[in-house]
């Protein structure tokens, strides 16, 4: 999902890749929740209309709106399906 932003928003792509690597590397559910919360915070900061007026396109803004609807549900489902222990 995050690869859609690689060309237009490379900083967000890098944060997403680091989050993915962190989720794969850690076994602690607490650490995974921390990584996800950090990513969601960065993702929500990038949704500002003023941000896109300065650095993005209208199409990218619309994609952000759609992804933001599904991202929390997807990440919660990931945590619930994960077999790690606290």
Protein backbone atom coordinates (compact mmCIF):
# COMPACT_ATOMS: atom_id res chain seq x y z
CA UNK A 1 0.00 0.00 0.00
CA UNK A 2 2.77 2.42 0.95
CA UNK A 3 4.64 1.92 -2.32
CA UNK A 4 2.04 4.12 -4.06
CA UNK A 5 3.71 7.12 -2.40
CA UNK A 6 7.31 6.29 -3.30
CA UNK A 7 7.70 8.86 -6.08
CA UNK A 8 5.46 11.67 -4.84
CA UNK A 9 6.08 11.46 -1.08
CA UNK A 10 9.40 9.67 -0.54
CA UNK A 11 9.62 10.70 3.12
CA UNK A 12 6.30 8.98 3.89
CA UNK A 13 7.40 5.94 1.91
CA UNK A 14 10.57 5.71 4.00
CA UNK A 15 8.60 5.94 7.25
CA UNK A 16 6.28 3.19 5.99
CA UNK A 17 9.18 0.92 5.02
CA UNK A 18 10.86 1.45 8.39
CA UNK A 19 7.57 0.62 10.11
CA UNK A 20 7.20 -2.54 8.03
CA UNK A 21 10.74 -3.65 8.83
CA UNK A 22 10.19 -2.93 12.52
CA UNK A 23 6.96 -4.94 12.55
CA UNK A 24 8.73 -7.89 10.95
CA UNK A 25 11.74 -7.70 13.28
CA UNK A 26 10.06 -7.36 16.66
CA UNK A 27 8.12 -10.02 18.53
CA UNK A 28 6.74 -7.71 21.21
CA UNK A 29 3.11 -6.70 20.72
CA UNK A 30 3.78 -3.52 22.70
CA UNK A 31 6.59 -2.52 20.33
CA UNK A 32 4.38 -3.32 17.33
CA UNK A 33 1.63 -1.10 18.71
CA UNK A 34 4.16 1.70 19.23
CA UNK A 35 5.41 1.39 15.64
CA UNK A 36 1.87 1.41 14.26
CA UNK A 37 0.87 4.44 16.36
CA UNK A 38 3.92 6.33 15.13
CA UNK A 39 3.14 5.49 11.50
CA UNK A 40 -0.52 6.48 11.88
CA UNK A 41 0.53 9.81 13.41
CA UNK A 42 2.86 10.56 10.50
CA UNK A 43 0.25 9.45 8.00
CA UNK A 44 -2.42 11.68 9.54
CA UNK A 45 -0.06 14.69 9.48
CA UNK A 46 0.35 14.20 5.75
CA UNK A 47 -3.43 14.40 5.16
CA UNK A 48 -3.67 18.14 5.63
CA UNK A 49 -5.13 19.92 2.58
CA UNK A 50 -2.53 22.64 3.01
CA UNK A 51 0.21 20.01 2.88
CA UNK A 52 -1.03 18.77 -0.48
CA UNK A 53 -1.43 22.29 -1.80
CA UNK A 54 2.28 22.75 -1.22
CA UNK A 55 3.71 19.35 -2.11
CA UNK A 56 1.17 16.96 -3.60
CA UNK A 57 -1.54 16.66 -6.18
CA UNK A 58 -5.30 16.48 -5.88
CA UNK A 59 -5.19 12.83 -6.95
CA UNK A 60 -2.74 12.02 -4.17
CA UNK A 61 -4.96 13.83 -1.66
CA UNK A 62 -7.94 11.73 -2.77
CA UNK A 63 -5.87 8.54 -2.46
CA UNK A 64 -4.88 9.55 1.06
CA UNK A 65 -8.51 10.04 2.01
CA UNK A 66 -9.42 6.58 0.74
CA UNK A 67 -6.46 4.83 2.33
CA UNK A 68 -7.06 6.58 5.64
CA UNK A 69 -10.49 4.95 5.79
CA UNK A 70 -9.01 1.46 5.58
CA UNK A 71 -5.62 1.83 7.26
CA UNK A 72 -6.70 1.63 10.93
CA UNK A 73 -8.88 -1.42 10.28
CA UNK A 74 -6.10 -3.12 8.33
CA UNK A 75 -3.51 -2.44 11.05
CA UNK A 76 -5.84 -3.59 13.84
CA UNK A 77 -6.55 -6.80 11.97
CA UNK A 78 -2.81 -7.30 11.56
CA UNK A 79 -2.28 -6.97 15.32
CA UNK A 80 -5.14 -9.34 16.14
CA UNK A 81 -3.88 -11.97 13.71
CA UNK A 82 -0.34 -11.73 15.03
CA UNK A 83 0.59 -14.66 17.25
CA UNK A 84 3.01 -12.73 19.52
CA UNK A 85 2.61 -12.49 23.26
CA UNK A 86 2.77 -9.32 25.33
